[in-house]
Amino acid sequence: MKLRTYLLLLGLLMGAFPRIASADAGTKFGRGLSNTGFGWFEIINEIGNESDRHGPLIGFPSGLIRGTVFAVIRTVAGVYEVVTFPFPNGSQKGYGPIVQPESVFDRR
């Protein structure tokens, strides 16, 4: 049980700081764990972004909708990366991210 918790924490840290590690299967796995666990942060990010652009009256509902869509996309992409981490994403992408920005913590 302790080993599982340690590996999960290690994967989340690898995904949260993707520029430290090179683009390989471990990075893809960590990025996938991070995106799966923190994909819902997109809702908070988009509410803030839209409120900055349009003010809070329009920014909150539009950010809530955009953030929910982006959160679903990022979470599904994270699950995909965790499941397929031993395999490259394709001949052009290799082990690179399938959604941009690579982490929810990188501002658009």
PDB file of N, CA and C in Angstrom:
ATOM      1  N   MET A   1       0.820  -1.189   0.000  1.00  0.00           N
ATOM      2  CA  MET A   1       0.000   0.000   0.000  1.00  0.00           C
ATOM      3  C   MET A   1       0.864   1.253   0.000  1.00  0.00           C
ATOM      4  N   LYS A   2       1.930   1.256   0.800  1.00  0.00           N
ATOM      5  CA  LYS A   2       2.814   2.418   0.835  1.00  0.00           C
ATOM      6  C   LYS A   2       3.512   2.607  -0.505  1.00  0.00           C
ATOM      7  N   LEU A   3       3.888   1.505  -1.159  1.00  0.00           N
ATOM      8  CA  LEU A   3       4.542   1.597  -2.451  1.00  0.00           C
ATOM      9  C   LEU A   3       3.597   2.194  -3.486  1.00  0.00           C
ATOM     10  N   ARG A   4       2.347   1.798  -3.458  1.00  0.00           N
ATOM     11  CA  ARG A   4       1.360   2.327  -4.408  1.00  0.00           C
ATOM     12  C   ARG A   4       1.184   3.836  -4.203  1.00  0.00           C
ATOM     13  N   THR A   5       1.108   4.272  -2.965  1.00  0.00           N
ATOM     14  CA  THR A   5       0.969   5.695  -2.657  1.00  0.00           C
ATOM     15  C   THR A   5       2.207   6.459  -3.115  1.00  0.00           C
ATOM     16  N   TYR A   6       3.371   5.894  -2.882  1.00  0.00           N
ATOM     17  CA  TYR A   6       4.617   6.522  -3.301  1.00  0.00           C
ATOM     18  C   TYR A   6       4.674   6.658  -4.816  1.00  0.00           C
ATOM     19  N   LEU A   7       4.313   5.604  -5.531  1.00  0.00           N
ATOM     20  CA  LEU A   7       4.351   5.654  -6.992  1.00  0.00           C
ATOM     21  C   LEU A   7       3.336   6.646  -7.547  1.00  0.00           C
ATOM     22  N   LEU A   8       2.165   6.723  -6.942  1.00  0.00           N
ATOM     23  CA  LEU A   8       1.165   7.677  -7.377  1.00  0.00           C
ATOM     24  C   LEU A   8       1.663   9.103  -7.170  1.00  0.00           C
ATOM     25  N   LEU A   9       2.244   9.380  -6.007  1.00  0.00           N
ATOM     26  CA  LEU A   9       2.796  10.707  -5.727  1.00  0.00           C
ATOM     27  C   LEU A   9       3.933  11.035  -6.687  1.00  0.00           C
ATOM     28  N   LEU A  10       4.789  10.088  -6.958  1.00  0.00           N
ATOM     29  CA  LEU A  10       5.890  10.301  -7.890  1.00  0.00           C
ATOM     30  C   LEU A  10       5.360  10.616  -9.285  1.00  0.00           C
ATOM     31  N   GLY A  11       4.349   9.888  -9.723  1.00  0.00           N
ATOM     32  CA  GLY A  11       3.755  10.145 -11.031  1.00  0.00           C
ATOM     33  C   GLY A  11       3.119  11.518 -11.119  1.00  0.00           C
ATOM     34  N   LEU A  12       2.433  11.930 -10.057  1.00  0.00           N
ATOM     35  CA  LEU A  12       1.824  13.264 -10.046  1.00  0.00           C
ATOM     36  C   LEU A  12       2.886  14.354 -10.099  1.00  0.00           C
ATOM     37  N   LEU A  13       3.973  14.166  -9.383  1.00  0.00           N
ATOM     38  CA  LEU A  13       5.049  15.146  -9.416  1.00  0.00           C
ATOM     39  C   LEU A  13       5.712  15.199 -10.788  1.00  0.00           C
ATOM     40  N   MET A  14       5.896  14.053 -11.411  1.00  0.00           N
ATOM     41  CA  MET A  14       6.480  14.025 -12.753  1.00  0.00           C
ATOM     42  C   MET A  14       5.595  14.756 -13.743  1.00  0.00           C
ATOM     43  N   GLY A  15       4.299  14.613 -13.596  1.00  0.00           N
ATOM     44  CA  GLY A  15       3.380  15.292 -14.497  1.00  0.00           C
ATOM     45  C   GLY A  15       3.279  16.780 -14.221  1.00  0.00           C
ATOM     46  N   ALA A  16       3.421  17.173 -12.975  1.00  0.00           N
ATOM     47  CA  ALA A  16       3.318  18.582 -12.620  1.00  0.00           C
ATOM     48  C   ALA A  16       4.546  19.373 -13.061  1.00  0.00           C
ATOM     49  N   PHE A  17       5.686  18.701 -13.183  1.00  0.00           N
ATOM     50  CA  PHE A  17       6.913  19.360 -13.606  1.00  0.00           C
ATOM     51  C   PHE A  17       7.477  18.654 -14.837  1.00  0.00           C
ATOM     52  N   PRO A  18       6.773  18.718 -15.980  1.00  0.00           N
ATOM     53  CA  PRO A  18       7.167  17.929 -17.136  1.00  0.00           C
ATOM     54  C   PRO A  18       8.470  18.364 -17.783  1.00  0.00           C
ATOM     55  N   ARG A  19       8.899  19.611 -17.598  1.00  0.00           N
ATOM     56  CA  ARG A  19      10.106  20.077 -18.274  1.00  0.00           C
ATOM     57  C   ARG A  19      11.382  19.565 -17.630  1.00  0.00           C
ATOM     58  N   ILE A  20      11.273  19.025 -16.425  1.00  0.00           N
ATOM     59  CA  ILE A  20      12.443  18.487 -15.748  1.00  0.00           C
ATOM     60  C   ILE A  20      12.865  17.169 -16.384  1.00  0.00           C
ATOM     61  N   ALA A  21      11.900  16.340 -16.721  1.00  0.00           N
ATOM     62  CA  ALA A  21      12.188  15.022 -17.283  1.00  0.00           C
ATOM     63  C   ALA A  21      12.174  15.088 -18.808  1.00  0.00           C
ATOM     64  N   SER A  22      12.844  14.136 -19.449  1.00  0.00           N
ATOM     65  CA  SER A  22      12.800  14.072 -20.903  1.00  0.00           C
ATOM     66  C   SER A  22      11.501  13.401 -21.333  1.00  0.00           C
ATOM     67  N   ALA A  23      11.174  13.545 -22.610  1.00  0.00           N
ATOM     68  CA  ALA A  23       9.927  12.971 -23.131  1.00  0.00           C
ATOM     69  C   ALA A  23      10.128  11.473 -23.357  1.00  0.00           C
ATOM     70  N   ASP A  24       9.686  10.680 -22.398  1.00  0.00           N
ATOM     71  CA  ASP A  24       9.756   9.238 -22.509  1.00  0.00           C
ATOM     72  C   ASP A  24       8.498   8.645 -21.899  1.00  0.00           C
ATOM     73  N   ALA A  25       8.455   7.339 -21.762  1.00  0.00           N
ATOM     74  CA  ALA A  25       7.262   6.667 -21.246  1.00  0.00           C
ATOM     75  C   ALA A  25       6.942   7.093 -19.817  1.00  0.00           C
ATOM     76  N   GLY A  26       7.950   7.293 -18.988  1.00  0.00           N
ATOM     77  CA  GLY A  26       7.711   7.726 -17.611  1.00  0.00           C
ATOM     78  C   GLY A  26       7.104   9.113 -17.537  1.00  0.00           C
ATOM     79  N   THR A  27       7.584  10.000 -18.399  1.00  0.00           N
ATOM     80  CA  THR A  27       7.018  11.347 -18.453  1.00  0.00           C
ATOM     81  C   THR A  27       5.570  11.302 -18.907  1.00  0.00           C
ATOM     82  N   LYS A  28       5.305  10.463 -19.903  1.00  0.00           N
ATOM     83  CA  LYS A  28       3.935  10.329 -20.402  1.00  0.00           C
ATOM     84  C   LYS A  28       3.018   9.794 -19.299  1.00  0.00           C
ATOM     85  N   PHE A  29       3.506   8.830 -18.531  1.00  0.00           N
ATOM     86  CA  PHE A  29       2.721   8.271 -17.435  1.00  0.00           C
ATOM     87  C   PHE A  29       2.443   9.326 -16.361  1.00  0.00           C
ATOM     88  N   GLY A  30       3.466  10.070 -15.975  1.00  0.00           N
ATOM     89  CA  GLY A  30       3.299  11.111 -14.970  1.00  0.00           C
ATOM     90  C   GLY A  30       2.377  12.224 -15.441  1.00  0.00           C
ATOM     91  N   ARG A  31       2.525  12.621 -16.698  1.00  0.00           N
ATOM     92  CA  ARG A  31       1.652  13.647 -17.262  1.00  0.00           C
ATOM     93  C   ARG A  31       0.217  13.159 -17.293  1.00  0.00           C
ATOM     94  N   GLY A  32       0.033  11.888 -17.612  1.00  0.00           N
ATOM     95  CA  GLY A  32      -1.306  11.314 -17.628  1.00  0.00           C
ATOM     96  C   GLY A  32      -1.937  11.297 -16.243  1.00  0.00           C
ATOM     97  N   LEU A  33      -1.154  10.917 -15.226  1.00  0.00           N
ATOM     98  CA  LEU A  33      -1.669  10.941 -13.856  1.00  0.00           C
ATOM     99  C   LEU A  33      -2.033  12.365 -13.429  1.00  0.00           C
ATOM    100  N   SER A  34      -1.164  13.299 -13.767  1.00  0.00           N
ATOM    101  CA  SER A  34      -1.418  14.687 -13.408  1.00  0.00           C
ATOM    102  C   SER A  34      -2.674  15.216 -14.090  1.00  0.00           C
ATOM    103  N   ASN A  35      -2.816  14.970 -15.373  1.00  0.00           N
ATOM    104  CA  ASN A  35      -3.983  15.450 -16.108  1.00  0.00           C
ATOM    105  C   ASN A  35      -5.259  14.757 -15.646  1.00  0.00           C
ATOM    106  N   THR A  36      -5.158  13.487 -15.285  1.00  0.00           N
ATOM    107  CA  THR A  36      -6.330  12.777 -14.781  1.00  0.00           C
ATOM    108  C   THR A  36      -6.746  13.328 -13.418  1.00  0.00           C
ATOM    109  N   GLY A  37      -5.796  13.556 -12.551  1.00  0.00           N
ATOM    110  CA  GLY A  37      -6.100  14.014 -11.203  1.00  0.00           C
ATOM    111  C   GLY A  37      -6.447  15.488 -11.097  1.00  0.00           C
ATOM    112  N   PHE A  38      -5.835  16.305 -11.952  1.00  0.00           N
ATOM    113  CA  PHE A  38      -6.014  17.749 -11.831  1.00  0.00           C
ATOM    114  C   PHE A  38      -6.734  18.378 -13.020  1.00  0.00           C
ATOM    115  N   GLY A  39      -7.332  17.573 -13.882  1.00  0.00           N
ATOM    116  CA  GLY A  39      -8.034  18.105 -15.052  1.00  0.00           C
ATOM    117  C   GLY A  39      -9.136  19.076 -14.686  1.00  0.00           C
ATOM    118  N   TRP A  40      -9.749  18.876 -13.540  1.00  0.00           N
ATOM    119  CA  TRP A  40     -10.848  19.749 -13.132  1.00  0.00           C
ATOM    120  C   TRP A  40     -10.380  21.168 -12.817  1.00  0.00           C
ATOM    121  N   PHE A  41      -9.071  21.384 -12.651  1.00  0.00           N
ATOM    122  CA  PHE A  41      -8.550  22.736 -12.447  1.00  0.00           C
ATOM    123  C   PHE A  41      -8.836  23.627 -13.657  1.00  0.00           C
ATOM    124  N   GLU A  42      -9.084  23.015 -14.809  1.00  0.00           N
ATOM    125  CA  GLU A  42      -9.415  23.791 -16.008  1.00  0.00           C
ATOM    126  C   GLU A  42     -10.631  24.670 -15.768  1.00  0.00           C
ATOM    127  N   ILE A  43     -11.574  24.203 -14.968  1.00  0.00           N
ATOM    128  CA  ILE A  43     -12.774  24.993 -14.684  1.00  0.00           C
ATOM    129  C   ILE A  43     -12.375  26.289 -13.982  1.00  0.00           C
ATOM    130  N   ILE A  44     -11.534  26.175 -12.974  1.00  0.00           N
ATOM    131  CA  ILE A  44     -11.081  27.355 -12.233  1.00  0.00           C
ATOM    132  C   ILE A  44     -10.274  28.279 -13.142  1.00  0.00           C
ATOM    133  N   ASN A  45      -9.357  27.698 -13.938  1.00  0.00           N
ATOM    134  CA  ASN A  45      -8.539  28.503 -14.844  1.00  0.00           C
ATOM    135  C   ASN A  45      -9.391  29.280 -15.837  1.00  0.00           C
ATOM    136  N   GLU A  46     -10.358  28.605 -16.437  1.00  0.00           N
ATOM    137  CA  GLU A  46     -11.165  29.259 -17.467  1.00  0.00           C
ATOM    138  C   GLU A  46     -12.113  30.302 -16.892  1.00  0.00           C
ATOM    139  N   ILE A  47     -12.625  30.083 -15.701  1.00  0.00           N
ATOM    140  CA  ILE A  47     -13.449  31.121 -15.067  1.00  0.00           C
ATOM    141  C   ILE A  47     -12.598  32.376 -14.866  1.00  0.00           C
ATOM    142  N   GLY A  48     -11.377  32.197 -14.409  1.00  0.00           N
ATOM    143  CA  GLY A  48     -10.469  33.339 -14.234  1.00  0.00           C
ATOM    144  C   GLY A  48     -10.113  34.002 -15.546  1.00  0.00           C
ATOM    145  N   ASN A  49      -9.774  33.199 -16.558  1.00  0.00           N
ATOM    146  CA  ASN A  49      -9.403  33.758 -17.862  1.00  0.00           C
ATOM    147  C   ASN A  49     -10.559  34.540 -18.485  1.00  0.00           C
ATOM    148  N   GLU A  50     -11.734  33.950 -18.478  1.00  0.00           N
ATOM    149  CA  GLU A  50     -12.892  34.607 -19.086  1.00  0.00           C
ATOM    150  C   GLU A  50     -13.306  35.841 -18.294  1.00  0.00           C
ATOM    151  N   SER A  51     -13.197  35.797 -16.979  1.00  0.00           N
ATOM    152  CA  SER A  51     -13.527  36.964 -16.165  1.00  0.00           C
ATOM    153  C   SER A  51     -12.538  38.101 -16.420  1.00  0.00           C
ATOM    154  N   ASP A  52     -11.268  37.770 -16.641  1.00  0.00           N
ATOM    155  CA  ASP A  52     -10.278  38.791 -16.980  1.00  0.00           C
ATOM    156  C   ASP A  52     -10.591  39.432 -18.327  1.00  0.00           C
ATOM    157  N   ARG A  53     -11.042  38.628 -19.278  1.00  0.00           N
ATOM    158  CA  ARG A  53     -11.331  39.122 -20.627  1.00  0.00           C
ATOM    159  C   ARG A  53     -12.635  39.903 -20.712  1.00  0.00           C
ATOM    160  N   HIS A  54     -13.698  39.398 -20.068  1.00  0.00           N
ATOM    161  CA  HIS A  54     -15.035  39.939 -20.288  1.00  0.00           C
ATOM    162  C   HIS A  54     -15.705  40.489 -19.039  1.00  0.00           C
ATOM    163  N   GLY A  55     -15.059  40.412 -17.901  1.00  0.00           N
ATOM    164  CA  GLY A  55     -15.685  40.826 -16.656  1.00  0.00           C
ATOM    165  C   GLY A  55     -16.397  39.653 -16.014  1.00  0.00           C
ATOM    166  N   PRO A  56     -16.698  39.758 -14.724  1.00  0.00           N
ATOM    167  CA  PRO A  56     -17.248  38.615 -13.998  1.00  0.00           C
ATOM    168  C   PRO A  56     -18.669  38.227 -14.405  1.00  0.00           C
ATOM    169  N   LEU A  57     -19.461  39.173 -14.857  1.00  0.00           N
ATOM    170  CA  LEU A  57     -20.840  38.861 -15.202  1.00  0.00           C
ATOM    171  C   LEU A  57     -20.930  37.898 -16.385  1.00  0.00           C
ATOM    172  N   ILE A  58     -20.113  38.119 -17.391  1.00  0.00           N
ATOM    173  CA  ILE A  58     -20.076  37.231 -18.553  1.00  0.00           C
ATOM    174  C   ILE A  58     -19.021  36.146 -18.355  1.00  0.00           C
ATOM    175  N   GLY A  59     -17.924  36.478 -17.693  1.00  0.00           N
ATOM    176  CA  GLY A  59     -16.807  35.556 -17.539  1.00  0.00           C
ATOM    177  C   GLY A  59     -17.117  34.322 -16.726  1.00  0.00           C
ATOM    178  N   PHE A  60     -17.941  34.463 -15.685  1.00  0.00           N
ATOM    179  CA  PHE A  60     -18.223  33.289 -14.858  1.00  0.00           C
ATOM    180  C   PHE A  60     -18.997  32.211 -15.615  1.00  0.00           C
ATOM    181  N   PRO A  61     -20.141  32.526 -16.232  1.00  0.00           N
ATOM    182  CA  PRO A  61     -20.857  31.447 -16.923  1.00  0.00           C
ATOM    183  C   PRO A  61     -20.107  30.914 -18.144  1.00  0.00           C
ATOM    184  N   SER A  62     -19.474  31.815 -18.912  1.00  0.00           N
ATOM    185  CA  SER A  62     -18.752  31.315 -20.089  1.00  0.00           C
ATOM    186  C   SER A  62     -17.509  30.535 -19.673  1.00  0.00           C
ATOM    187  N   GLY A  63     -16.835  30.972 -18.604  1.00  0.00           N
ATOM    188  CA  GLY A  63     -15.676  30.237 -18.100  1.00  0.00           C
ATOM    189  C   GLY A  63     -16.063  28.890 -17.521  1.00  0.00           C
ATOM    190  N   LEU A  64     -17.229  28.840 -16.897  1.00  0.00           N
ATOM    191  CA  LEU A  64     -17.718  27.573 -16.347  1.00  0.00           C
ATOM    192  C   LEU A  64     -17.965  26.563 -17.470  1.00  0.00           C
ATOM    193  N   ILE A  65     -18.562  27.022 -18.551  1.00  0.00           N
ATOM    194  CA  ILE A  65     -18.824  26.127 -19.693  1.00  0.00           C
ATOM    195  C   ILE A  65     -17.525  25.720 -20.366  1.00  0.00           C
ATOM    196  N   ARG A  66     -16.679  26.702 -20.701  1.00  0.00           N
ATOM    197  CA  ARG A  66     -15.394  26.388 -21.353  1.00  0.00           C
ATOM    198  C   ARG A  66     -14.529  25.499 -20.459  1.00  0.00           C
ATOM    199  N   GLY A  67     -14.482  25.814 -19.174  1.00  0.00           N
ATOM    200  CA  GLY A  67     -13.674  25.042 -18.243  1.00  0.00           C
ATOM    201  C   GLY A  67     -14.148  23.612 -18.112  1.00  0.00           C
ATOM    202  N   THR A  68     -15.458  23.409 -18.122  1.00  0.00           N
ATOM    203  CA  THR A  68     -15.997  22.053 -18.038  1.00  0.00           C
ATOM    204  C   THR A  68     -15.615  21.247 -19.275  1.00  0.00           C
ATOM    205  N   VAL A  69     -15.721  21.872 -20.444  1.00  0.00           N
ATOM    206  CA  VAL A  69     -15.334  21.185 -21.683  1.00  0.00           C
ATOM    207  C   VAL A  69     -13.849  20.848 -21.653  1.00  0.00           C
ATOM    208  N   PHE A  70     -13.013  21.824 -21.295  1.00  0.00           N
ATOM    209  CA  PHE A  70     -11.566  21.581 -21.245  1.00  0.00           C
ATOM    210  C   PHE A  70     -11.197  20.560 -20.179  1.00  0.00           C
ATOM    211  N   ALA A  71     -11.919  20.563 -19.059  1.00  0.00           N
ATOM    212  CA  ALA A  71     -11.645  19.596 -17.987  1.00  0.00           C
ATOM    213  C   ALA A  71     -11.927  18.175 -18.452  1.00  0.00           C
ATOM    214  N   VAL A  72     -13.026  17.992 -19.170  1.00  0.00           N
ATOM    215  CA  VAL A  72     -13.350  16.659 -19.692  1.00  0.00           C
ATOM    216  C   VAL A  72     -12.290  16.220 -20.697  1.00  0.00           C
ATOM    217  N   ILE A  73     -11.897  17.119 -21.589  1.00  0.00           N
ATOM    218  CA  ILE A  73     -10.878  16.794 -22.591  1.00  0.00           C
ATOM    219  C   ILE A  73      -9.564  16.424 -21.920  1.00  0.00           C
ATOM    220  N   ARG A  74      -9.120  17.236 -20.955  1.00  0.00           N
ATOM    221  CA  ARG A  74      -7.842  16.980 -20.286  1.00  0.00           C
ATOM    222  C   ARG A  74      -7.885  15.690 -19.473  1.00  0.00           C
ATOM    223  N   THR A  75      -9.004  15.417 -18.809  1.00  0.00           N
ATOM    224  CA  THR A  75      -9.116  14.197 -18.000  1.00  0.00           C
ATOM    225  C   THR A  75      -9.119  12.957 -18.890  1.00  0.00           C
ATOM    226  N   VAL A  76      -9.853  13.001 -19.987  1.00  0.00           N
ATOM    227  CA  VAL A  76      -9.871  11.862 -20.930  1.00  0.00           C
ATOM    228  C   VAL A  76      -8.481  11.668 -21.533  1.00  0.00           C
ATOM    229  N   ALA A  77      -7.814  12.760 -21.892  1.00  0.00           N
ATOM    230  CA  ALA A  77      -6.448  12.652 -22.422  1.00  0.00           C
ATOM    231  C   ALA A  77      -5.512  12.068 -21.379  1.00  0.00           C
ATOM    232  N   GLY A  78      -5.691  12.433 -20.118  1.00  0.00           N
ATOM    233  CA  GLY A  78      -4.864  11.874 -19.043  1.00  0.00           C
ATOM    234  C   GLY A  78      -5.063  10.382 -18.880  1.00  0.00           C
ATOM    235  N   VAL A  79      -6.317   9.944 -18.928  1.00  0.00           N
ATOM    236  CA  VAL A  79      -6.600   8.502 -18.836  1.00  0.00           C
ATOM    237  C   VAL A  79      -5.963   7.777 -20.016  1.00  0.00           C
ATOM    238  N   TYR A  80      -6.083   8.352 -21.208  1.00  0.00           N
ATOM    239  CA  TYR A  80      -5.472   7.752 -22.408  1.00  0.00           C
ATOM    240  C   TYR A  80      -3.959   7.624 -22.227  1.00  0.00           C
ATOM    241  N   GLU A  81      -3.317   8.681 -21.713  1.00  0.00           N
ATOM    242  CA  GLU A  81      -1.863   8.634 -21.547  1.00  0.00           C
ATOM    243  C   GLU A  81      -1.431   7.634 -20.480  1.00  0.00           C
ATOM    244  N   VAL A  82      -2.208   7.471 -19.431  1.00  0.00           N
ATOM    245  CA  VAL A  82      -1.871   6.471 -18.404  1.00  0.00           C
ATOM    246  C   VAL A  82      -1.994   5.063 -18.978  1.00  0.00           C
ATOM    247  N   VAL A  83      -3.057   4.827 -19.729  1.00  0.00           N
ATOM    248  CA  VAL A  83      -3.287   3.485 -20.272  1.00  0.00           C
ATOM    249  C   VAL A  83      -2.258   3.133 -21.346  1.00  0.00           C
ATOM    250  N   THR A  84      -1.862   4.121 -22.156  1.00  0.00           N
ATOM    251  CA  THR A  84      -0.972   3.847 -23.296  1.00  0.00           C
ATOM    252  C   THR A  84       0.460   4.326 -23.069  1.00  0.00           C
ATOM    253  N   PHE A  85       0.865   4.556 -21.816  1.00  0.00           N
ATOM    254  CA  PHE A  85       2.185   5.144 -21.578  1.00  0.00           C
ATOM    255  C   PHE A  85       3.355   4.343 -22.140  1.00  0.00           C
ATOM    256  N   PRO A  86       3.297   3.011 -22.262  1.00  0.00           N
ATOM    257  CA  PRO A  86       4.476   2.325 -22.812  1.00  0.00           C
ATOM    258  C   PRO A  86       4.677   2.547 -24.314  1.00  0.00           C
ATOM    259  N   PHE A  87       3.667   3.088 -24.995  1.00  0.00           N
ATOM    260  CA  PHE A  87       3.712   3.217 -26.446  1.00  0.00           C
ATOM    261  C   PHE A  87       3.751   4.681 -26.857  1.00  0.00           C
ATOM    262  N   PRO A  88       4.528   5.023 -27.902  1.00  0.00           N
ATOM    263  CA  PRO A  88       4.535   6.406 -28.395  1.00  0.00           C
ATOM    264  C   PRO A  88       3.161   6.787 -28.955  1.00  0.00           C
ATOM    265  N   ASN A  89       2.892   8.093 -28.996  1.00  0.00           N
ATOM    266  CA  ASN A  89       1.604   8.587 -29.491  1.00  0.00           C
ATOM    267  C   ASN A  89       1.489   8.550 -31.000  1.00  0.00           C
ATOM    268  N   GLY A  90       2.554   8.360 -31.697  1.00  0.00           N
ATOM    269  CA  GLY A  90       2.564   8.326 -33.151  1.00  0.00           C
ATOM    270  C   GLY A  90       3.957   8.664 -33.632  1.00  0.00           C
ATOM    271  N   SER A  91       4.170   8.533 -34.918  1.00  0.00           N
ATOM    272  CA  SER A  91       5.517   8.738 -35.444  1.00  0.00           C
ATOM    273  C   SER A  91       5.974  10.185 -35.292  1.00  0.00           C
ATOM    274  N   GLN A  92       5.082  11.158 -35.361  1.00  0.00           N
ATOM    275  CA  GLN A  92       5.465  12.561 -35.262  1.00  0.00           C
ATOM    276  C   GLN A  92       5.563  13.045 -33.815  1.00  0.00           C
ATOM    277  N   LYS A  93       4.652  12.625 -32.956  1.00  0.00           N
ATOM    278  CA  LYS A  93       4.595  13.137 -31.588  1.00  0.00           C
ATOM    279  C   LYS A  93       5.506  12.385 -30.623  1.00  0.00           C
ATOM    280  N   GLY A  94       5.772  11.125 -30.875  1.00  0.00           N
ATOM    281  CA  GLY A  94       6.562  10.344 -29.920  1.00  0.00           C
ATOM    282  C   GLY A  94       5.826  10.245 -28.600  1.00  0.00           C
ATOM    283  N   TYR A  95       6.497  10.607 -27.509  1.00  0.00           N
ATOM    284  CA  TYR A  95       5.884  10.579 -26.183  1.00  0.00           C
ATOM    285  C   TYR A  95       5.404  11.970 -25.762  1.00  0.00           C
ATOM    286  N   GLY A  96       5.322  12.896 -26.689  1.00  0.00           N
ATOM    287  CA  GLY A  96       4.901  14.258 -26.389  1.00  0.00           C
ATOM    288  C   GLY A  96       3.440  14.341 -25.973  1.00  0.00           C
ATOM    289  N   PRO A  97       3.027  15.497 -25.470  1.00  0.00           N
ATOM    290  CA  PRO A  97       1.653  15.666 -24.990  1.00  0.00           C
ATOM    291  C   PRO A  97       0.648  15.652 -26.136  1.00  0.00           C
ATOM    292  N   ILE A  98      -0.562  15.189 -25.848  1.00  0.00           N
ATOM    293  CA  ILE A  98      -1.611  15.198 -26.872  1.00  0.00           C
ATOM    294  C   ILE A  98      -2.550  16.381 -26.689  1.00  0.00           C
ATOM    295  N   VAL A  99      -2.463  17.082 -25.556  1.00  0.00           N
ATOM    296  CA  VAL A  99      -3.209  18.325 -25.347  1.00  0.00           C
ATOM    297  C   VAL A  99      -2.221  19.426 -24.996  1.00  0.00           C
ATOM    298  N   GLN A 100      -2.540  20.639 -25.402  1.00  0.00           N
ATOM    299  CA  GLN A 100      -1.705  21.796 -25.098  1.00  0.00           C
ATOM    300  C   GLN A 100      -2.507  22.769 -24.265  1.00  0.00           C
ATOM    301  N   PRO A 101      -1.960  23.379 -23.270  1.00  0.00           N
ATOM    302  CA  PRO A 101      -0.622  23.177 -22.755  1.00  0.00           C
ATOM    303  C   PRO A 101      -0.478  21.814 -22.092  1.00  0.00           C
ATOM    304  N   GLU A 102       0.739  21.415 -21.904  1.00  0.00           N
ATOM    305  CA  GLU A 102       1.058  20.079 -21.410  1.00  0.00           C
ATOM    306  C   GLU A 102       0.469  19.797 -20.024  1.00  0.00           C
ATOM    307  N   SER A 103       0.413  20.803 -19.192  1.00  0.00           N
ATOM    308  CA  SER A 103      -0.105  20.649 -17.832  1.00  0.00           C
ATOM    309  C   SER A 103      -1.167  21.701 -17.577  1.00  0.00           C
ATOM    310  N   VAL A 104      -2.085  21.391 -16.699  1.00  0.00           N
ATOM    311  CA  VAL A 104      -3.131  22.349 -16.336  1.00  0.00           C
ATOM    312  C   VAL A 104      -2.530  23.547 -15.606  1.00  0.00           C
ATOM    313  N   PHE A 105      -1.323  23.397 -15.090  1.00  0.00           N
ATOM    314  CA  PHE A 105      -0.694  24.464 -14.344  1.00  0.00           C
ATOM    315  C   PHE A 105       0.056  25.457 -15.245  1.00  0.00           C
ATOM    316  N   ASP A 106       0.146  25.163 -16.541  1.00  0.00           N
ATOM    317  CA  ASP A 106       0.722  26.102 -17.501  1.00  0.00           C
ATOM    318  C   ASP A 106      -0.411  26.982 -18.011  1.00  0.00           C
ATOM    319  N   ARG A 107      -0.321  28.281 -17.783  1.00  0.00           N
ATOM    320  CA  ARG A 107      -1.383  29.184 -18.216  1.00  0.00           C
ATOM    321  C   ARG A 107      -1.379  29.309 -19.728  1.00  0.00           C
ATOM    322  N   ARG A 108      -2.556  29.455 -20.302  1.00  0.00           N
ATOM    323  CA  ARG A 108      -2.690  29.671 -21.750  1.00  0.00           C
ATOM    324  C   ARG A 108      -2.358  31.112 -22.061  1.00  0.00           C
TER     325      ARG A 108
END
